[in-house]
Amino acid sequence: MLKNEKSKALSKKFMELIPGGHSNLRVPMDVTDYRLFIDKAKGSHLYDVDGNEYIEYNGALGPNILGYAMPEWTEKLKEYLDTAGTSIGSNLLFSPYDVEVAEMLKKYIPCCEQVKFAITGTDAVQVAFRIMRGYRNRPVIIRFEGHYAGWVDDVLGGRANPDPNAKPYTDFSTEDLPDDYPYATLGRKQTAGEEVFMLPWNDFERLEATFEKYHEEIAGIHLEGIVANHEMLYPKPGWLEKIRELCDKYEVVMSMDEVISGLRVGIGGVQEYLGVTPDICTMGKAISNGFPVSCVCGKKEVMQVVENGVLTPGTYRGWAFGQCAVKATLDILTKDDCACYKRREPIQEKLVAGLDEIAKRRDIPMTITEAPGMFSTLFGIPGGRQTLYTNEQLAEFKPKRVESFQKYLQEQGVFLMFGGRLYLSMAHTMEDIDKTLEAADVAMKKMHDNDYKYIAE
């Protein structure tokens, strides 16, 4: 049994002071009646205030690509703190890291010729939207169902209009939605849906029809190459190529959201992994191993609009300590010809193959959708390791079973992110995987014996 006295006491005070927690999507982030409060972290392990130790696959929702307290990384930051300030300039003074980081991104990110730094993923997406609208002098951005692009009004959730003949404004209404739909929010401005078109993912016919009919209004299209926030759905063969073709034909800016995938799936992101280069991309999370730094990278022709009329001001853009963290992260990821990615491959393979084997042996239907550095366990969908493309293929997914799996693993010292997604860091070891698979075997046995017959959702 895990100890929990201190976490329970802190949870009570926390909820009195901080309503909804820090990031309050309508999803069950906790699988206990209290929240975990972490005292320290090292490598791939967390240690809570009650002294419990966990192997962790959450990575702070993705940023901690290197793991926690990596000596080579922390030493670089300590050296900087001993000699300089955390924030220098805000377009008045600059750091050599500005140039060094931009040059490294240009070297490794296919679309990158110039860089505009920002703070968070949401921030970077809004910068990208302004760049696209300013560059093409058109009002509308196309997005796709299930893709997450931040918390602000024009991108949080939304549904495509089911009528293919109607103008494809985003439907942000909350009618007919389940109570736990994660992106329904009060306070959204009523005109938000008219700022973006929303289309179904992988629907070639709707895509081409929208471009043909409304291209004079469309400034850009913004998408995840692999939909990490929606059960890791992939683009169908030819889908990204078709988007690239239509953007070129109608002079629309193609923007790829690499806030999660950038540096995680590989040093060149999903655009390199899938072989389709956008005009611009947004990056964050793993770029700094956990510091609030993001950016928009892109072709010079498009990015030059920032010098010619598009404003993206902010006190912490390019803050020096954050740039130091980015440089330290990139140095480690690219060391010895990006050797850390090669070392991660067999570790992820062992974990994914092991979970697949356990589910089949325990007679629990489960699909695993995967990309380098991340994967999702979709309980309720039979098939094991496979690629999924559409919402229809997710019809049998049972999120409640994921919560059960998460709960049973946490009881044994393995901490997962909500929703069944797991992130691998460069700090995970084969020993971690062995222990995780032992815990997963116990968890799935409990699921089969205790929960499986009774969980309907």
Protein backbone atom coordinates (compact mmCIF):
# COMPACT_ATOMS: atom_id res chain seq x y z
CA MET A 1 0.00 0.00 0.00
CA LEU A 2 1.23 3.48 -0.88
CA LYS A 3 1.41 6.06 1.86
CA ASN A 4 -0.76 9.11 1.22
CA GLU A 5 -1.20 11.13 4.42
CA LYS A 6 0.82 14.17 3.31
CA SER A 7 -0.60 14.22 -0.22
CA LYS A 8 -4.13 14.01 1.16
CA ALA A 9 -3.53 16.94 3.51
CA LEU A 10 -1.96 19.04 0.77
CA SER A 11 -4.78 18.12 -1.63
CA LYS A 12 -7.35 19.56 0.75
CA LYS A 13 -5.50 22.87 1.02
CA PHE A 14 -4.73 22.95 -2.70
CA MET A 15 -8.37 22.66 -3.74
CA GLU A 16 -9.37 25.39 -1.31
CA LEU A 17 -6.85 27.78 -2.87
CA ILE A 18 -6.56 26.79 -6.54
CA PRO A 19 -9.93 26.06 -8.18
CA GLY A 20 -9.93 23.27 -10.73
CA GLY A 21 -6.24 22.57 -10.44
CA HIS A 22 -3.67 24.00 -12.82
CA SER A 23 -5.00 22.63 -16.13
CA ASN A 24 -8.69 21.92 -15.72
CA LEU A 25 -9.86 20.07 -18.79
CA ARG A 26 -12.98 17.98 -18.24
CA VAL A 27 -11.08 14.72 -18.04
CA PRO A 28 -10.33 12.66 -14.91
CA MET A 29 -6.66 13.41 -14.37
CA ASP A 30 -6.53 11.74 -10.96
CA VAL A 31 -7.36 8.11 -10.23
CA THR A 32 -7.35 8.51 -6.45
CA ASP A 33 -9.36 10.71 -4.11
CA TYR A 34 -6.26 12.86 -3.59
CA ARG A 35 -3.59 14.48 -5.76
CA LEU A 36 0.05 13.51 -5.83
CA PHE A 37 2.53 16.09 -4.58
CA ILE A 38 6.06 15.48 -5.81
CA ASP A 39 9.04 16.12 -3.56
CA LYS A 40 11.83 15.30 -6.03
CA ALA A 41 12.47 13.73 -9.43
CA LYS A 42 15.43 11.97 -10.97
CA GLY A 43 15.75 10.42 -14.42
CA SER A 44 12.49 8.57 -15.13
CA HIS A 45 11.43 8.40 -11.48
CA LEU A 46 9.29 10.59 -9.22
CA TYR A 47 9.24 10.66 -5.41
CA ASP A 48 6.19 12.09 -3.66
CA VAL A 49 5.96 13.85 -0.31
CA ASP A 50 4.97 10.59 1.37
CA GLY A 51 8.13 8.86 0.18
CA ASN A 52 6.54 6.75 -2.59
CA GLU A 53 8.58 6.15 -5.74
CA TYR A 54 7.09 5.98 -9.24
CA ILE A 55 8.37 5.12 -12.70
CA GLU A 56 6.83 7.93 -14.72
CA TYR A 57 5.50 8.03 -18.29
CA ASN A 58 3.85 11.44 -18.15
CA GLY A 59 6.81 13.73 -18.79
CA ALA A 60 4.86 16.79 -17.59
CA LEU A 61 2.47 16.14 -20.52
CA GLY A 62 5.41 15.82 -22.87
CA PRO A 63 8.15 18.40 -22.21
CA ASN A 64 10.60 16.27 -20.24
CA ILE A 65 12.24 14.56 -23.18
CA LEU A 66 15.54 14.05 -21.34
CA GLY A 67 14.06 12.98 -18.02
CA TYR A 68 14.48 14.79 -14.72
CA ALA A 69 17.62 16.37 -13.29
CA MET A 70 19.93 15.10 -16.03
CA PRO A 71 23.38 16.23 -14.81
CA GLU A 72 24.67 17.32 -18.23
CA TRP A 73 21.59 19.52 -18.65
CA THR A 74 21.31 20.93 -15.14
CA GLU A 75 25.00 21.86 -15.02
CA LYS A 76 24.60 24.10 -18.07
CA LEU A 77 21.73 25.93 -16.39
CA LYS A 78 23.54 26.25 -13.08
CA GLU A 79 26.54 27.77 -14.83
CA TYR A 80 24.28 30.31 -16.51
CA LEU A 81 22.52 31.27 -13.27
CA ASP A 82 25.88 31.89 -11.63
CA THR A 83 26.85 34.45 -14.25
CA ALA A 84 23.71 36.07 -15.71
CA GLY A 85 20.05 36.95 -15.18
CA THR A 86 17.05 34.83 -16.05
CA SER A 87 15.55 37.40 -18.41
CA ILE A 88 17.64 39.93 -20.30
CA GLY A 89 16.30 42.33 -22.84
CA SER A 90 12.86 41.75 -24.33
CA ASN A 91 14.06 43.10 -27.69
CA LEU A 92 16.38 45.60 -26.03
CA LEU A 93 19.31 43.28 -25.25
CA PHE A 94 20.06 39.81 -26.54
CA SER A 95 21.84 36.57 -25.74
CA PRO A 96 24.26 34.64 -27.95
CA TYR A 97 21.94 31.69 -27.34
CA ASP A 98 19.36 33.40 -29.57
CA VAL A 99 21.57 32.91 -32.61
CA GLU A 100 22.91 29.49 -31.57
CA VAL A 101 19.45 28.03 -30.98
CA ALA A 102 18.02 29.47 -34.20
CA GLU A 103 20.93 28.03 -36.18
CA MET A 104 20.41 24.59 -34.66
CA LEU A 105 16.68 24.62 -35.40
CA LYS A 106 17.41 25.69 -38.97
CA LYS A 107 19.82 22.77 -39.32
CA TYR A 108 17.44 20.07 -38.07
CA ILE A 109 13.83 21.19 -38.73
CA PRO A 110 12.97 20.78 -42.44
CA CYS A 111 10.75 23.86 -42.80
CA CYS A 112 12.93 26.14 -40.69
CA GLU A 113 14.71 29.09 -42.26
CA GLN A 114 13.75 31.65 -39.62
CA VAL A 115 12.43 31.45 -36.06
CA LYS A 116 10.09 33.52 -33.91
CA PHE A 117 10.28 32.61 -30.22
CA ALA A 118 7.26 32.45 -27.95
CA ILE A 119 6.42 31.05 -24.50
CA THR A 120 3.83 28.25 -24.60
CA GLY A 121 2.31 26.02 -27.24
CA THR A 122 -0.91 28.04 -27.17
CA ASP A 123 1.13 31.22 -27.59
CA ALA A 124 3.03 29.81 -30.57
CA VAL A 125 -0.18 28.74 -32.31
CA GLN A 126 -1.65 32.23 -31.98
CA VAL A 127 1.58 33.71 -33.37
CA ALA A 128 1.32 31.28 -36.28
CA PHE A 129 -2.30 32.24 -36.93
CA ARG A 130 -1.39 35.94 -37.03
CA ILE A 131 1.54 35.25 -39.35
CA MET A 132 -0.67 33.26 -41.74
CA ARG A 133 -3.41 35.87 -41.79
CA GLY A 134 -0.93 38.71 -42.15
CA TYR A 135 1.01 37.03 -44.91
CA ARG A 136 -2.00 36.15 -47.06
CA ASN A 137 -4.30 38.97 -45.95
CA ARG A 138 -7.17 36.53 -45.59
CA PRO A 139 -9.29 35.91 -42.48
CA VAL A 140 -9.79 32.14 -42.02
CA ILE A 141 -7.64 29.26 -40.74
CA ILE A 142 -8.64 25.62 -41.40
CA ARG A 143 -8.40 23.16 -38.50
CA PHE A 144 -9.42 19.53 -37.98
CA GLU A 145 -11.58 17.73 -35.44
CA GLY A 146 -9.68 16.21 -32.54
CA HIS A 147 -6.53 18.31 -32.95
CA TYR A 148 -5.49 20.27 -29.87
CA ALA A 149 -3.98 23.71 -30.44
CA GLY A 150 -4.28 25.39 -27.06
CA TRP A 151 -6.87 26.78 -24.70
CA VAL A 152 -8.01 30.06 -26.31
CA ASP A 153 -11.42 30.63 -27.85
CA ASP A 154 -10.72 29.98 -31.52
CA VAL A 155 -8.96 26.61 -31.09
CA LEU A 156 -10.23 24.84 -27.97
CA GLY A 157 -12.24 21.85 -29.15
CA GLY A 158 -15.10 22.31 -31.58
CA ARG A 159 -16.86 20.12 -34.13
CA ALA A 160 -17.20 20.18 -37.90
CA ASN A 161 -20.57 21.07 -39.37
CA PRO A 162 -22.09 17.73 -40.44
CA ASP A 163 -23.70 19.38 -43.47
CA PRO A 164 -21.12 19.22 -46.28
CA ASN A 165 -22.96 21.96 -48.16
CA ALA A 166 -22.84 24.47 -45.30
CA LYS A 167 -20.02 26.91 -44.72
CA PRO A 168 -17.58 24.95 -42.52
CA TYR A 169 -17.44 27.29 -39.55
CA THR A 170 -16.45 25.60 -36.29
CA ASP A 171 -19.33 24.43 -34.11
CA PHE A 172 -18.46 25.37 -30.54
CA SER A 173 -21.95 24.71 -29.15
CA THR A 174 -22.25 22.39 -26.18
CA GLU A 175 -25.58 20.87 -27.16
CA ASP A 176 -25.67 17.07 -27.37
CA LEU A 177 -22.22 16.78 -25.80
CA PRO A 178 -21.50 14.45 -22.87
CA ASP A 179 -20.93 16.14 -19.52
CA ASP A 180 -17.29 15.07 -19.52
CA TYR A 181 -16.49 16.42 -23.00
CA PRO A 182 -13.07 17.89 -22.23
CA TYR A 183 -13.22 21.12 -24.25
CA ALA A 184 -16.65 22.55 -23.44
CA THR A 185 -16.20 25.89 -21.68
CA LEU A 186 -18.21 28.83 -20.48
CA GLY A 187 -16.99 32.29 -21.41
CA ARG A 188 -16.05 31.63 -25.04
CA LYS A 189 -16.78 34.58 -27.32
CA GLN A 190 -19.76 33.94 -29.56
CA THR A 191 -17.93 34.79 -32.80
CA ALA A 192 -15.03 32.39 -32.23
CA GLY A 193 -16.47 29.77 -34.58
CA GLU A 194 -16.40 32.19 -37.49
CA GLU A 195 -12.63 32.65 -37.27
CA VAL A 196 -11.79 29.06 -38.18
CA PHE A 197 -13.14 26.38 -40.48
CA MET A 198 -13.20 22.86 -39.05
CA LEU A 199 -13.12 19.71 -41.13
CA PRO A 200 -13.12 15.98 -40.41
CA TRP A 201 -9.65 14.42 -40.34
CA ASN A 202 -8.73 12.35 -43.42
CA ASP A 203 -11.83 13.37 -45.42
CA PHE A 204 -10.35 14.05 -48.87
CA GLU A 205 -13.65 15.06 -50.44
CA ARG A 206 -14.52 17.71 -47.83
CA LEU A 207 -10.97 19.03 -47.89
CA GLU A 208 -10.84 19.55 -51.64
CA ALA A 209 -14.35 21.00 -51.77
CA THR A 210 -13.54 23.51 -49.02
CA PHE A 211 -10.37 24.69 -50.74
CA GLU A 212 -12.10 24.96 -54.10
CA LYS A 213 -15.08 26.92 -52.77
CA TYR A 214 -13.51 29.13 -50.09
CA HIS A 215 -9.83 29.53 -51.01
CA GLU A 216 -10.13 33.31 -51.30
CA GLU A 217 -10.95 33.42 -47.57
CA ILE A 218 -8.39 30.85 -46.36
CA ALA A 219 -5.08 32.18 -45.06
CA GLY A 220 -3.71 28.93 -43.65
CA ILE A 221 -4.30 25.42 -42.46
CA HIS A 222 -3.05 24.20 -39.06
CA LEU A 223 -2.79 20.52 -38.16
CA GLU A 224 -0.98 17.86 -36.18
CA GLY A 225 0.83 15.45 -38.50
CA ILE A 226 0.03 12.64 -36.06
CA VAL A 227 -2.90 13.49 -33.81
CA ALA A 228 -1.25 12.84 -30.44
CA ASN A 229 -4.10 14.41 -28.48
CA HIS A 230 -6.72 12.27 -30.19
CA GLU A 231 -5.61 8.67 -29.69
CA MET A 232 -2.66 8.97 -32.08
CA LEU A 233 -4.67 8.95 -35.29
CA TYR A 234 -2.45 8.96 -38.37
CA PRO A 235 -2.95 10.69 -41.71
CA LYS A 236 -4.16 8.32 -44.39
CA PRO A 237 -1.69 7.63 -47.21
CA GLY A 238 -1.59 10.70 -49.43
CA TRP A 239 -3.47 12.94 -46.97
CA LEU A 240 -0.62 15.27 -46.00
CA GLU A 241 0.58 15.29 -49.60
CA LYS A 242 -2.89 16.40 -50.70
CA ILE A 243 -2.88 19.21 -48.14
CA ARG A 244 0.54 20.31 -49.41
CA GLU A 245 -0.71 20.20 -53.01
CA LEU A 246 -3.83 22.25 -52.26
CA CYS A 247 -1.89 24.82 -50.24
CA ASP A 248 0.49 25.31 -53.16
CA LYS A 249 -2.35 25.49 -55.68
CA TYR A 250 -4.38 28.08 -53.77
CA GLU A 251 -1.50 29.97 -52.09
CA VAL A 252 -2.49 28.93 -48.56
CA VAL A 253 0.06 28.63 -45.75
CA MET A 254 0.51 25.07 -44.42
CA SER A 255 1.24 25.06 -40.67
CA MET A 256 2.11 21.88 -38.80
CA ASP A 257 1.59 21.71 -35.05
CA GLU A 258 4.76 20.12 -33.66
CA VAL A 259 4.27 21.28 -30.06
CA ILE A 260 4.10 17.63 -28.97
CA SER A 261 5.88 15.87 -31.83
CA GLY A 262 8.73 18.30 -32.35
CA LEU A 263 12.02 16.72 -31.16
CA ARG A 264 10.01 13.86 -29.63
CA VAL A 265 9.47 11.58 -32.61
CA GLY A 266 12.91 12.53 -33.86
CA ILE A 267 15.16 15.53 -34.20
CA GLY A 268 13.28 16.68 -37.33
CA GLY A 269 9.81 16.16 -35.91
CA VAL A 270 6.81 14.59 -37.65
CA GLN A 271 7.49 16.58 -40.82
CA GLU A 272 10.74 14.67 -41.25
CA TYR A 273 9.27 11.38 -40.00
CA LEU A 274 6.36 11.48 -42.48
CA GLY A 275 8.24 13.29 -45.23
CA VAL A 276 5.96 16.30 -45.84
CA THR A 277 7.36 19.78 -45.22
CA PRO A 278 4.97 22.57 -44.15
CA ASP A 279 5.55 26.29 -44.68
CA ILE A 280 5.71 26.92 -40.92
CA CYS A 281 5.43 24.87 -37.76
CA THR A 282 4.82 25.47 -34.08
CA MET A 283 7.12 23.87 -31.51
CA GLY A 284 7.25 23.72 -27.72
CA LYS A 285 7.30 21.20 -24.86
CA ALA A 286 10.37 19.04 -25.58
CA ILE A 287 12.28 21.92 -27.13
CA SER A 288 13.52 23.03 -23.70
CA ASN A 289 13.05 19.90 -21.57
CA GLY A 290 10.41 21.57 -19.45
CA PHE A 291 11.02 25.33 -19.57
CA PRO A 292 8.27 27.62 -20.91
CA VAL A 293 9.71 28.17 -24.38
CA SER A 294 8.04 27.68 -27.76
CA CYS A 295 8.53 29.00 -31.25
CA VAL A 296 7.26 29.28 -34.79
CA CYS A 297 9.73 28.04 -37.40
CA GLY A 298 9.22 28.56 -41.09
CA LYS A 299 10.24 29.56 -44.54
CA LYS A 300 11.81 32.99 -44.79
CA GLU A 301 9.25 34.19 -47.34
CA VAL A 302 6.44 33.64 -44.83
CA MET A 303 8.29 34.55 -41.64
CA GLN A 304 9.44 37.90 -43.07
CA VAL A 305 5.94 39.25 -42.48
CA VAL A 306 6.91 39.59 -38.80
CA GLU A 307 9.34 42.31 -39.87
CA ASN A 308 6.81 43.87 -42.20
CA GLY A 309 3.71 44.56 -40.19
CA VAL A 310 2.78 41.53 -38.02
CA LEU A 311 3.33 42.27 -34.33
CA THR A 312 4.03 39.50 -31.80
CA PRO A 313 5.29 41.39 -28.73
CA GLY A 314 5.90 39.94 -25.28
CA THR A 315 8.22 40.51 -22.33
CA TYR A 316 9.49 36.93 -22.18
CA ARG A 317 10.00 36.23 -25.87
CA GLY A 318 13.52 34.86 -26.18
CA TRP A 319 14.15 35.09 -22.42
CA ALA A 320 17.79 34.22 -21.91
CA PHE A 321 17.48 31.47 -19.31
CA GLY A 322 14.90 29.73 -21.46
CA GLN A 323 17.19 29.96 -24.48
CA CYS A 324 19.96 28.44 -22.38
CA ALA A 325 17.64 25.51 -21.60
CA VAL A 326 16.82 25.05 -25.29
CA LYS A 327 20.50 25.07 -26.25
CA ALA A 328 21.37 22.56 -23.51
CA THR A 329 18.51 20.30 -24.65
CA LEU A 330 19.43 20.46 -28.32
CA ASP A 331 23.10 19.81 -27.55
CA ILE A 332 22.20 16.59 -25.74
CA LEU A 333 19.63 15.40 -28.28
CA THR A 334 22.01 15.92 -31.21
CA LYS A 335 25.13 14.55 -29.50
CA ASP A 336 26.90 11.71 -31.35
CA ASP A 337 24.60 11.93 -34.35
CA CYS A 338 21.44 11.90 -32.23
CA ALA A 339 22.47 8.67 -30.49
CA CYS A 340 19.87 9.05 -27.71
CA TYR A 341 17.04 8.41 -30.19
CA LYS A 342 18.67 5.18 -31.30
CA ARG A 343 19.03 4.09 -27.68
CA ARG A 344 15.35 4.84 -27.02
CA GLU A 345 14.05 2.64 -29.86
CA PRO A 346 14.57 -0.81 -28.28
CA ILE A 347 13.34 0.45 -24.92
CA GLN A 348 10.03 1.60 -26.41
CA GLU A 349 9.78 -1.55 -28.52
CA LYS A 350 10.14 -3.77 -25.45
CA LEU A 351 7.47 -1.83 -23.56
CA VAL A 352 4.95 -1.74 -26.41
CA ALA A 353 5.47 -5.38 -27.35
CA GLY A 354 5.21 -6.40 -23.69
CA LEU A 355 1.95 -4.56 -23.09
CA ASP A 356 0.50 -6.04 -26.26
CA GLU A 357 1.47 -9.56 -25.16
CA ILE A 358 0.01 -9.12 -21.67
CA ALA A 359 -3.33 -7.82 -23.00
CA LYS A 360 -3.68 -10.75 -25.36
CA ARG A 361 -2.70 -13.26 -22.68
CA ARG A 362 -5.17 -11.71 -20.22
CA ASP A 363 -7.89 -11.68 -22.89
CA ILE A 364 -8.34 -7.92 -22.74
CA PRO A 365 -9.13 -6.16 -26.06
CA MET A 366 -6.58 -3.39 -26.57
CA THR A 367 -5.10 -1.47 -29.48
CA ILE A 368 -1.78 0.34 -29.29
CA THR A 369 -1.26 3.29 -31.62
CA GLU A 370 2.34 4.47 -31.65
CA ALA A 371 4.99 6.84 -32.92
CA PRO A 372 8.60 7.18 -31.78
CA GLY A 373 8.68 8.49 -28.20
CA MET A 374 4.95 8.10 -27.51
CA PHE A 375 2.05 5.67 -27.78
CA SER A 376 -1.54 5.18 -26.62
CA THR A 377 -3.22 2.17 -25.02
CA LEU A 378 -6.80 2.04 -26.29
CA PHE A 379 -8.72 -0.49 -24.21
CA GLY A 380 -11.87 -1.92 -25.75
CA ILE A 381 -10.57 -1.91 -29.32
CA PRO A 382 -9.24 -5.33 -30.34
CA GLY A 383 -6.31 -5.63 -32.68
CA GLY A 384 -3.08 -5.04 -30.77
CA ARG A 385 -0.51 -2.84 -32.47
CA GLN A 386 -2.09 -1.09 -35.43
CA THR A 387 -2.49 2.25 -37.15
CA LEU A 388 -5.85 4.02 -36.87
CA TYR A 389 -7.06 6.90 -39.02
CA THR A 390 -10.67 7.87 -38.20
CA ASN A 391 -13.11 8.42 -35.35
CA GLU A 392 -15.13 5.46 -36.59
CA GLN A 393 -12.20 3.19 -35.75
CA LEU A 394 -12.31 4.53 -32.17
CA ALA A 395 -15.96 3.59 -31.61
CA GLU A 396 -15.15 0.70 -29.25
CA PHE A 397 -12.62 2.64 -27.16
CA LYS A 398 -13.49 2.49 -23.44
CA PRO A 399 -11.85 5.39 -21.56
CA LYS A 400 -13.06 4.03 -18.19
CA ARG A 401 -10.87 0.99 -18.69
CA VAL A 402 -7.88 3.28 -19.18
CA GLU A 403 -8.66 4.90 -15.83
CA SER A 404 -8.78 1.46 -14.24
CA PHE A 405 -5.43 0.51 -15.79
CA GLN A 406 -3.92 3.80 -14.62
CA LYS A 407 -5.22 3.27 -11.07
CA TYR A 408 -3.90 -0.27 -10.73
CA LEU A 409 -0.50 0.75 -12.09
CA GLN A 410 -0.25 3.74 -9.79
CA GLU A 411 -0.87 1.47 -6.82
CA GLN A 412 2.29 -0.39 -7.87
CA GLY A 413 4.46 2.65 -8.44
CA VAL A 414 3.97 3.32 -12.16
CA PHE A 415 2.52 6.72 -13.05
CA LEU A 416 0.69 7.27 -16.35
CA MET A 417 -0.82 10.29 -18.00
CA PHE A 418 -4.61 10.38 -18.26
CA GLY A 419 -6.16 9.06 -21.47
CA GLY A 420 -3.85 6.11 -21.96
CA ARG A 421 -0.97 7.99 -23.60
CA LEU A 422 2.59 7.21 -22.54
CA TYR A 423 5.66 9.34 -23.19
CA LEU A 424 9.14 7.83 -23.24
CA SER A 425 12.05 9.98 -22.07
CA MET A 426 15.71 9.48 -22.82
CA ALA A 427 16.10 8.48 -19.16
CA HIS A 428 13.97 5.33 -19.27
CA THR A 429 15.92 2.11 -18.93
CA MET A 430 15.36 -1.56 -19.66
CA GLU A 431 15.08 -2.08 -15.90
CA ASP A 432 12.23 0.46 -15.85
CA ILE A 433 10.49 -1.48 -18.60
CA ASP A 434 10.87 -4.81 -16.79
CA LYS A 435 9.30 -3.35 -13.65
CA THR A 436 6.56 -1.62 -15.65
CA LEU A 437 5.60 -4.82 -17.44
CA GLU A 438 5.46 -6.71 -14.14
CA ALA A 439 3.10 -4.03 -12.81
CA ALA A 440 1.07 -4.08 -16.03
CA ASP A 441 0.57 -7.82 -15.76
CA VAL A 442 -0.84 -7.40 -12.27
CA ALA A 443 -2.97 -4.44 -13.39
CA MET A 444 -4.50 -6.24 -16.35
CA LYS A 445 -5.22 -9.31 -14.24
CA LYS A 446 -7.12 -7.05 -11.82
CA MET A 447 -8.92 -5.43 -14.73
CA HIS A 448 -9.97 -8.80 -16.09
CA ASP A 449 -10.99 -10.25 -12.72
CA ASN A 450 -12.57 -7.19 -11.12
CA ASP A 451 -13.57 -4.64 -13.73
CA TYR A 452 -13.68 -5.96 -17.23
CA LYS A 453 -17.19 -7.45 -17.17
CA TYR A 454 -18.72 -4.43 -15.45
CA ILE A 455 -17.20 -1.39 -17.15
CA ALA A 456 -19.57 -0.27 -19.89
CA GLU A 457 -17.84 2.93 -20.96
